[in-house]
Amino acid sequence: MEVIEAKSRTEHAYVREALSQLLDYAPHSPRPVDRLAVLVPGPLDERELRLLHRYGVDCIHRVSPGVFRRIPAPDDRRRLMKRAWTDS
């Protein structure tokens, strides 16, 4: 199962808030979580993308109406962080 947190903006404060919400939601999900993602209206700056990827979180952003692009976190980071989501 994937948990996605949507934000209306791409600035650091919004990305940081989405990350903290996802890390809080994942351990409390009624079903095991395999993937976390942040959905934003446009591409993130490299700094924000690195922040999400450090914690194993994918970024999904709108490319055009009805078209989205996923930039997945590295698998090794996702596996590492998944232990934190499931150990709670």
PDB file of N, CA and C in Angstrom:
ATOM      1  N   MET A   1       0.842  -1.179   0.000  1.00  0.00           N
ATOM      2  CA  MET A   1       0.000   0.000   0.000  1.00  0.00           C
ATOM      3  C   MET A   1       0.886   1.240   0.000  1.00  0.00           C
ATOM      4  N   GLU A   2       0.420   2.256  -0.673  1.00  0.00           N
ATOM      5  CA  GLU A   2       1.136   3.523  -0.734  1.00  0.00           C
ATOM      6  C   GLU A   2       0.336   4.602  -0.012  1.00  0.00           C
ATOM      7  N   VAL A   3       1.049   5.439   0.738  1.00  0.00           N
ATOM      8  CA  VAL A   3       0.445   6.604   1.374  1.00  0.00           C
ATOM      9  C   VAL A   3       1.002   7.830   0.662  1.00  0.00           C
ATOM     10  N   ILE A   4       0.098   8.698   0.202  1.00  0.00           N
ATOM     11  CA  ILE A   4       0.488   9.902  -0.515  1.00  0.00           C
ATOM     12  C   ILE A   4      -0.027  11.119   0.244  1.00  0.00           C
ATOM     13  N   GLU A   5       0.861  12.078   0.449  1.00  0.00           N
ATOM     14  CA  GLU A   5       0.481  13.350   1.068  1.00  0.00           C
ATOM     15  C   GLU A   5       0.568  14.417  -0.012  1.00  0.00           C
ATOM     16  N   ALA A   6      -0.520  15.133  -0.241  1.00  0.00           N
ATOM     17  CA  ALA A   6      -0.576  16.172  -1.274  1.00  0.00           C
ATOM     18  C   ALA A   6      -0.355  17.541  -0.646  1.00  0.00           C
ATOM     19  N   LYS A   7       0.395  18.351  -1.360  1.00  0.00           N
ATOM     20  CA  LYS A   7       0.620  19.738  -0.949  1.00  0.00           C
ATOM     21  C   LYS A   7       0.343  20.656  -2.120  1.00  0.00           C
ATOM     22  N   SER A   8      -0.099  21.868  -1.818  1.00  0.00           N
ATOM     23  CA  SER A   8      -0.469  22.825  -2.860  1.00  0.00           C
ATOM     24  C   SER A   8       0.706  23.658  -3.355  1.00  0.00           C
ATOM     25  N   ARG A   9       1.856  23.531  -2.692  1.00  0.00           N
ATOM     26  CA  ARG A   9       3.025  24.330  -3.069  1.00  0.00           C
ATOM     27  C   ARG A   9       4.278  23.470  -2.976  1.00  0.00           C
ATOM     28  N   THR A  10       5.380  23.984  -3.541  1.00  0.00           N
ATOM     29  CA  THR A  10       6.615  23.198  -3.587  1.00  0.00           C
ATOM     30  C   THR A  10       7.723  23.749  -2.692  1.00  0.00           C
ATOM     31  N   GLU A  11       7.458  24.806  -1.951  1.00  0.00           N
ATOM     32  CA  GLU A  11       8.485  25.396  -1.097  1.00  0.00           C
ATOM     33  C   GLU A  11       8.880  24.450   0.036  1.00  0.00           C
ATOM     34  N   HIS A  12      10.053  24.728   0.596  1.00  0.00           N
ATOM     35  CA  HIS A  12      10.644  23.864   1.621  1.00  0.00           C
ATOM     36  C   HIS A  12       9.690  23.565   2.779  1.00  0.00           C
ATOM     37  N   ALA A  13       9.020  24.573   3.285  1.00  0.00           N
ATOM     38  CA  ALA A  13       8.127  24.365   4.433  1.00  0.00           C
ATOM     39  C   ALA A  13       7.020  23.357   4.111  1.00  0.00           C
ATOM     40  N   TYR A  14       6.512  23.387   2.901  1.00  0.00           N
ATOM     41  CA  TYR A  14       5.445  22.463   2.501  1.00  0.00           C
ATOM     42  C   TYR A  14       5.987  21.048   2.349  1.00  0.00           C
ATOM     43  N   VAL A  15       7.159  20.926   1.757  1.00  0.00           N
ATOM     44  CA  VAL A  15       7.773  19.606   1.584  1.00  0.00           C
ATOM     45  C   VAL A  15       8.112  19.010   2.941  1.00  0.00           C
ATOM     46  N   ARG A  16       8.647  19.833   3.806  1.00  0.00           N
ATOM     47  CA  ARG A  16       9.001  19.375   5.159  1.00  0.00           C
ATOM     48  C   ARG A  16       7.751  18.931   5.935  1.00  0.00           C
ATOM     49  N   GLU A  17       6.694  19.688   5.814  1.00  0.00           N
ATOM     50  CA  GLU A  17       5.447  19.321   6.480  1.00  0.00           C
ATOM     51  C   GLU A  17       4.911  17.995   5.932  1.00  0.00           C
ATOM     52  N   ALA A  18       4.946  17.830   4.617  1.00  0.00           N
ATOM     53  CA  ALA A  18       4.474  16.579   4.011  1.00  0.00           C
ATOM     54  C   ALA A  18       5.306  15.395   4.492  1.00  0.00           C
ATOM     55  N   LEU A  19       6.612  15.573   4.548  1.00  0.00           N
ATOM     56  CA  LEU A  19       7.492  14.506   5.015  1.00  0.00           C
ATOM     57  C   LEU A  19       7.158  14.112   6.444  1.00  0.00           C
ATOM     58  N   SER A  20       7.015  15.086   7.312  1.00  0.00           N
ATOM     59  CA  SER A  20       6.717  14.764   8.715  1.00  0.00           C
ATOM     60  C   SER A  20       5.351  14.095   8.852  1.00  0.00           C
ATOM     61  N   GLN A  21       4.390  14.518   8.063  1.00  0.00           N
ATOM     62  CA  GLN A  21       3.069  13.878   8.118  1.00  0.00           C
ATOM     63  C   GLN A  21       3.158  12.422   7.662  1.00  0.00           C
ATOM     64  N   LEU A  22       3.868  12.175   6.580  1.00  0.00           N
ATOM     65  CA  LEU A  22       3.999  10.795   6.086  1.00  0.00           C
ATOM     66  C   LEU A  22       4.694   9.900   7.103  1.00  0.00           C
ATOM     67  N   LEU A  23       5.748  10.406   7.714  1.00  0.00           N
ATOM     68  CA  LEU A  23       6.471   9.599   8.697  1.00  0.00           C
ATOM     69  C   LEU A  23       5.621   9.331   9.941  1.00  0.00           C
ATOM     70  N   ASP A  24       4.660  10.206  10.194  1.00  0.00           N
ATOM     71  CA  ASP A  24       3.721   9.988  11.294  1.00  0.00           C
ATOM     72  C   ASP A  24       2.611   9.022  10.887  1.00  0.00           C
ATOM     73  N   TYR A  25       2.104   9.145   9.664  1.00  0.00           N
ATOM     74  CA  TYR A  25       0.989   8.300   9.214  1.00  0.00           C
ATOM     75  C   TYR A  25       1.391   6.835   9.038  1.00  0.00           C
ATOM     76  N   ALA A  26       2.542   6.595   8.458  1.00  0.00           N
ATOM     77  CA  ALA A  26       2.922   5.233   8.033  1.00  0.00           C
ATOM     78  C   ALA A  26       2.814   4.188   9.142  1.00  0.00           C
ATOM     79  N   PRO A  27       3.338   4.429  10.340  1.00  0.00           N
ATOM     80  CA  PRO A  27       3.250   3.388  11.373  1.00  0.00           C
ATOM     81  C   PRO A  27       1.823   3.129  11.871  1.00  0.00           C
ATOM     82  N   HIS A  28       0.914   4.063  11.597  1.00  0.00           N
ATOM     83  CA  HIS A  28      -0.457   3.943  12.093  1.00  0.00           C
ATOM     84  C   HIS A  28      -1.442   3.466  11.027  1.00  0.00           C
ATOM     85  N   SER A  29      -0.938   3.133   9.870  1.00  0.00           N
ATOM     86  CA  SER A  29      -1.810   2.675   8.784  1.00  0.00           C
ATOM     87  C   SER A  29      -2.439   1.334   9.144  1.00  0.00           C
ATOM     88  N   PRO A  30      -3.708   1.135   8.815  1.00  0.00           N
ATOM     89  CA  PRO A  30      -4.355  -0.146   9.108  1.00  0.00           C
ATOM     90  C   PRO A  30      -3.803  -1.292   8.252  1.00  0.00           C
ATOM     91  N   ARG A  31      -3.138  -0.960   7.140  1.00  0.00           N
ATOM     92  CA  ARG A  31      -2.503  -1.967   6.288  1.00  0.00           C
ATOM     93  C   ARG A  31      -1.022  -1.653   6.173  1.00  0.00           C
ATOM     94  N   PRO A  32      -0.178  -2.652   5.973  1.00  0.00           N
ATOM     95  CA  PRO A  32       1.262  -2.395   5.846  1.00  0.00           C
ATOM     96  C   PRO A  32       1.563  -1.434   4.694  1.00  0.00           C
ATOM     97  N   VAL A  33       2.428  -0.489   4.954  1.00  0.00           N
ATOM     98  CA  VAL A  33       2.799   0.526   3.968  1.00  0.00           C
ATOM     99  C   VAL A  33       4.088   0.095   3.281  1.00  0.00           C
ATOM    100  N   ASP A  34       4.073   0.100   1.958  1.00  0.00           N
ATOM    101  CA  ASP A  34       5.246  -0.254   1.172  1.00  0.00           C
ATOM    102  C   ASP A  34       5.949   0.965   0.592  1.00  0.00           C
ATOM    103  N   ARG A  35       5.206   2.055   0.474  1.00  0.00           N
ATOM    104  CA  ARG A  35       5.757   3.213  -0.228  1.00  0.00           C
ATOM    105  C   ARG A  35       5.105   4.486   0.289  1.00  0.00           C
ATOM    106  N   LEU A  36       5.912   5.545   0.379  1.00  0.00           N
ATOM    107  CA  LEU A  36       5.422   6.870   0.748  1.00  0.00           C
ATOM    108  C   LEU A  36       5.739   7.825  -0.391  1.00  0.00           C
ATOM    109  N   ALA A  37       4.851   8.790  -0.633  1.00  0.00           N
ATOM    110  CA  ALA A  37       5.077   9.762  -1.700  1.00  0.00           C
ATOM    111  C   ALA A  37       4.460  11.099  -1.345  1.00  0.00           C
ATOM    112  N   VAL A  38       5.073  12.145  -1.869  1.00  0.00           N
ATOM    113  CA  VAL A  38       4.543  13.506  -1.765  1.00  0.00           C
ATOM    114  C   VAL A  38       4.094  13.914  -3.164  1.00  0.00           C
ATOM    115  N   LEU A  39       2.870  14.407  -3.257  1.00  0.00           N
ATOM    116  CA  LEU A  39       2.294  14.894  -4.509  1.00  0.00           C
ATOM    117  C   LEU A  39       2.294  16.415  -4.473  1.00  0.00           C
ATOM    118  N   VAL A  40       2.952  17.040  -5.447  1.00  0.00           N
ATOM    119  CA  VAL A  40       3.048  18.497  -5.511  1.00  0.00           C
ATOM    120  C   VAL A  40       2.683  18.984  -6.912  1.00  0.00           C
ATOM    121  N   PRO A  41       2.357  20.273  -7.031  1.00  0.00           N
ATOM    122  CA  PRO A  41       1.858  20.761  -8.319  1.00  0.00           C
ATOM    123  C   PRO A  41       2.921  20.952  -9.395  1.00  0.00           C
ATOM    124  N   GLY A  42       4.188  20.910  -9.048  1.00  0.00           N
ATOM    125  CA  GLY A  42       5.248  21.096 -10.032  1.00  0.00           C
ATOM    126  C   GLY A  42       6.535  20.479  -9.541  1.00  0.00           C
ATOM    127  N   PRO A  43       7.574  20.499 -10.359  1.00  0.00           N
ATOM    128  CA  PRO A  43       8.846  19.889  -9.973  1.00  0.00           C
ATOM    129  C   PRO A  43       9.434  20.549  -8.726  1.00  0.00           C
ATOM    130  N   LEU A  44      10.120  19.758  -7.927  1.00  0.00           N
ATOM    131  CA  LEU A  44      10.788  20.275  -6.734  1.00  0.00           C
ATOM    132  C   LEU A  44      12.197  20.732  -7.073  1.00  0.00           C
ATOM    133  N   ASP A  45      12.697  21.675  -6.291  1.00  0.00           N
ATOM    134  CA  ASP A  45      14.114  22.013  -6.354  1.00  0.00           C
ATOM    135  C   ASP A  45      14.908  20.792  -5.914  1.00  0.00           C
ATOM    136  N   GLU A  46      16.137  20.712  -6.332  1.00  0.00           N
ATOM    137  CA  GLU A  46      16.997  19.569  -5.992  1.00  0.00           C
ATOM    138  C   GLU A  46      17.112  19.377  -4.481  1.00  0.00           C
ATOM    139  N   ARG A  47      17.190  20.454  -3.737  1.00  0.00           N
ATOM    140  CA  ARG A  47      17.297  20.377  -2.267  1.00  0.00           C
ATOM    141  C   ARG A  47      16.095  19.650  -1.662  1.00  0.00           C
ATOM    142  N   GLU A  48      14.917  19.997  -2.133  1.00  0.00           N
ATOM    143  CA  GLU A  48      13.703  19.384  -1.583  1.00  0.00           C
ATOM    144  C   GLU A  48      13.611  17.915  -1.993  1.00  0.00           C
ATOM    145  N   LEU A  49      13.981  17.621  -3.228  1.00  0.00           N
ATOM    146  CA  LEU A  49      13.949  16.240  -3.694  1.00  0.00           C
ATOM    147  C   LEU A  49      14.930  15.381  -2.894  1.00  0.00           C
ATOM    148  N   ARG A  50      16.119  15.899  -2.648  1.00  0.00           N
ATOM    149  CA  ARG A  50      17.100  15.151  -1.830  1.00  0.00           C
ATOM    150  C   ARG A  50      16.562  14.892  -0.425  1.00  0.00           C
ATOM    151  N   LEU A  51      15.855  15.868   0.130  1.00  0.00           N
ATOM    152  CA  LEU A  51      15.275  15.693   1.468  1.00  0.00           C
ATOM    153  C   LEU A  51      14.301  14.511   1.472  1.00  0.00           C
ATOM    154  N   LEU A  52      13.396  14.480   0.510  1.00  0.00           N
ATOM    155  CA  LEU A  52      12.439  13.369   0.450  1.00  0.00           C
ATOM    156  C   LEU A  52      13.158  12.044   0.231  1.00  0.00           C
ATOM    157  N   HIS A  53      14.071  12.018  -0.695  1.00  0.00           N
ATOM    158  CA  HIS A  53      14.766  10.774  -1.021  1.00  0.00           C
ATOM    159  C   HIS A  53      15.625  10.268   0.141  1.00  0.00           C
ATOM    160  N   ARG A  54      16.155  11.170   0.952  1.00  0.00           N
ATOM    161  CA  ARG A  54      16.928  10.760   2.131  1.00  0.00           C
ATOM    162  C   ARG A  54      16.077   9.880   3.051  1.00  0.00           C
ATOM    163  N   TYR A  55      14.786  10.144   3.080  1.00  0.00           N
ATOM    164  CA  TYR A  55      13.870   9.393   3.937  1.00  0.00           C
ATOM    165  C   TYR A  55      13.065   8.346   3.163  1.00  0.00           C
ATOM    166  N   GLY A  56      13.497   8.036   1.958  1.00  0.00           N
ATOM    167  CA  GLY A  56      12.848   6.977   1.187  1.00  0.00           C
ATOM    168  C   GLY A  56      11.487   7.342   0.637  1.00  0.00           C
ATOM    169  N   VAL A  57      11.228   8.634   0.454  1.00  0.00           N
ATOM    170  CA  VAL A  57       9.926   9.112   0.002  1.00  0.00           C
ATOM    171  C   VAL A  57      10.011   9.545  -1.465  1.00  0.00           C
ATOM    172  N   ASP A  58       9.077   9.064  -2.278  1.00  0.00           N
ATOM    173  CA  ASP A  58       9.005   9.438  -3.684  1.00  0.00           C
ATOM    174  C   ASP A  58       8.404  10.828  -3.828  1.00  0.00           C
ATOM    175  N   CYS A  59       8.661  11.447  -4.972  1.00  0.00           N
ATOM    176  CA  CYS A  59       8.014  12.709  -5.334  1.00  0.00           C
ATOM    177  C   CYS A  59       7.178  12.468  -6.582  1.00  0.00           C
ATOM    178  N   ILE A  60       5.953  12.940  -6.546  1.00  0.00           N
ATOM    179  CA  ILE A  60       5.071  12.894  -7.722  1.00  0.00           C
ATOM    180  C   ILE A  60       4.677  14.334  -8.007  1.00  0.00           C
ATOM    181  N   HIS A  61       4.898  14.770  -9.245  1.00  0.00           N
ATOM    182  CA  HIS A  61       4.511  16.142  -9.572  1.00  0.00           C
ATOM    183  C   HIS A  61       3.772  16.176 -10.903  1.00  0.00           C
ATOM    184  N   ARG A  62       2.962  17.200 -11.020  1.00  0.00           N
ATOM    185  CA  ARG A  62       2.147  17.401 -12.224  1.00  0.00           C
ATOM    186  C   ARG A  62       3.022  17.934 -13.346  1.00  0.00           C
ATOM    187  N   VAL A  63       2.886  17.322 -14.505  1.00  0.00           N
ATOM    188  CA  VAL A  63       3.612  17.754 -15.700  1.00  0.00           C
ATOM    189  C   VAL A  63       2.692  18.597 -16.580  1.00  0.00           C
ATOM    190  N   SER A  64       1.464  18.139 -16.738  1.00  0.00           N
ATOM    191  CA  SER A  64       0.438  18.843 -17.495  1.00  0.00           C
ATOM    192  C   SER A  64      -0.906  18.300 -17.008  1.00  0.00           C
ATOM    193  N   PRO A  65      -2.019  18.888 -17.433  1.00  0.00           N
ATOM    194  CA  PRO A  65      -3.307  18.393 -16.943  1.00  0.00           C
ATOM    195  C   PRO A  65      -3.453  16.876 -17.134  1.00  0.00           C
ATOM    196  N   GLY A  66      -3.640  16.188 -16.031  1.00  0.00           N
ATOM    197  CA  GLY A  66      -3.835  14.740 -16.061  1.00  0.00           C
ATOM    198  C   GLY A  66      -2.573  13.919 -16.252  1.00  0.00           C
ATOM    199  N   VAL A  67      -1.414  14.576 -16.299  1.00  0.00           N
ATOM    200  CA  VAL A  67      -0.149  13.870 -16.501  1.00  0.00           C
ATOM    201  C   VAL A  67       0.768  14.148 -15.310  1.00  0.00           C
ATOM    202  N   PHE A  68       1.272  13.077 -14.703  1.00  0.00           N
ATOM    203  CA  PHE A  68       2.118  13.196 -13.525  1.00  0.00           C
ATOM    204  C   PHE A  68       3.408  12.416 -13.730  1.00  0.00           C
ATOM    205  N   ARG A  69       4.460  12.863 -13.066  1.00  0.00           N
ATOM    206  CA  ARG A  69       5.749  12.183 -13.117  1.00  0.00           C
ATOM    207  C   ARG A  69       6.143  11.783 -11.704  1.00  0.00           C
ATOM    208  N   ARG A  70       6.571  10.538 -11.560  1.00  0.00           N
ATOM    209  CA  ARG A  70       7.077  10.053 -10.271  1.00  0.00           C
ATOM    210  C   ARG A  70       8.590  10.024 -10.337  1.00  0.00           C
ATOM    211  N   ILE A  71       9.221  10.583  -9.312  1.00  0.00           N
ATOM    212  CA  ILE A  71      10.670  10.469  -9.154  1.00  0.00           C
ATOM    213  C   ILE A  71      10.879   9.620  -7.908  1.00  0.00           C
ATOM    214  N   PRO A  72      11.159   8.337  -8.102  1.00  0.00           N
ATOM    215  CA  PRO A  72      11.227   7.427  -6.962  1.00  0.00           C
ATOM    216  C   PRO A  72      12.480   7.630  -6.117  1.00  0.00           C
ATOM    217  N   ALA A  73      12.316   7.405  -4.840  1.00  0.00           N
ATOM    218  CA  ALA A  73      13.459   7.408  -3.929  1.00  0.00           C
ATOM    219  C   ALA A  73      14.304   6.175  -4.224  1.00  0.00           C
ATOM    220  N   PRO A  74      15.581   6.232  -3.916  1.00  0.00           N
ATOM    221  CA  PRO A  74      16.423   5.047  -4.104  1.00  0.00           C
ATOM    222  C   PRO A  74      15.889   3.868  -3.279  1.00  0.00           C
ATOM    223  N   ASP A  75      15.921   2.686  -3.882  1.00  0.00           N
ATOM    224  CA  ASP A  75      15.389   1.492  -3.204  1.00  0.00           C
ATOM    225  C   ASP A  75      16.064   1.240  -1.862  1.00  0.00           C
ATOM    226  N   ASP A  76      17.374   1.467  -1.757  1.00  0.00           N
ATOM    227  CA  ASP A  76      18.064   1.208  -0.491  1.00  0.00           C
ATOM    228  C   ASP A  76      17.564   2.137   0.608  1.00  0.00           C
ATOM    229  N   ARG A  77      17.241   3.388   0.284  1.00  0.00           N
ATOM    230  CA  ARG A  77      16.701   4.318   1.285  1.00  0.00           C
ATOM    231  C   ARG A  77      15.288   3.924   1.691  1.00  0.00           C
ATOM    232  N   ARG A  78      14.492   3.479   0.712  1.00  0.00           N
ATOM    233  CA  ARG A  78      13.123   3.056   1.018  1.00  0.00           C
ATOM    234  C   ARG A  78      13.150   1.838   1.960  1.00  0.00           C
ATOM    235  N   ARG A  79      14.020   0.887   1.667  1.00  0.00           N
ATOM    236  CA  ARG A  79      14.110  -0.312   2.519  1.00  0.00           C
ATOM    237  C   ARG A  79      14.545   0.063   3.930  1.00  0.00           C
ATOM    238  N   LEU A  80      15.526   0.937   4.031  1.00  0.00           N
ATOM    239  CA  LEU A  80      16.010   1.367   5.340  1.00  0.00           C
ATOM    240  C   LEU A  80      14.903   2.054   6.142  1.00  0.00           C
ATOM    241  N   MET A  81      14.207   2.978   5.513  1.00  0.00           N
ATOM    242  CA  MET A  81      13.172   3.718   6.213  1.00  0.00           C
ATOM    243  C   MET A  81      11.938   2.866   6.482  1.00  0.00           C
ATOM    244  N   LYS A  82      11.675   1.890   5.629  1.00  0.00           N
ATOM    245  CA  LYS A  82      10.508   1.034   5.841  1.00  0.00           C
ATOM    246  C   LYS A  82      10.601   0.325   7.188  1.00  0.00           C
ATOM    247  N   ARG A  83      11.812   0.000   7.602  1.00  0.00           N
ATOM    248  CA  ARG A  83      11.978  -0.611   8.934  1.00  0.00           C
ATOM    249  C   ARG A  83      11.480   0.343  10.029  1.00  0.00           C
ATOM    250  N   ALA A  84      11.715   1.625   9.865  1.00  0.00           N
ATOM    251  CA  ALA A  84      11.238   2.602  10.852  1.00  0.00           C
ATOM    252  C   ALA A  84       9.720   2.683  10.827  1.00  0.00           C
ATOM    253  N   TRP A  85       9.104   2.593   9.621  1.00  0.00           N
ATOM    254  CA  TRP A  85       7.648   2.673   9.523  1.00  0.00           C
ATOM    255  C   TRP A  85       6.990   1.478  10.192  1.00  0.00           C
ATOM    256  N   THR A  86       7.621   0.320  10.101  1.00  0.00           N
ATOM    257  CA  THR A  86       6.980  -0.906  10.562  1.00  0.00           C
ATOM    258  C   THR A  86       7.388  -1.316  11.976  1.00  0.00           C
ATOM    259  N   ASP A  87       8.438  -0.726  12.529  1.00  0.00           N
ATOM    260  CA  ASP A  87       8.892  -1.117  13.869  1.00  0.00           C
ATOM    261  C   ASP A  87       8.104  -0.464  14.991  1.00  0.00           C
ATOM    262  N   SER A  88       7.265   0.482  14.676  1.00  0.00           N
ATOM    263  CA  SER A  88       6.520   1.191  15.735  1.00  0.00           C
ATOM    264  C   SER A  88       5.388   0.370  16.273  1.00  0.00           C
TER     265      SER A  88
END
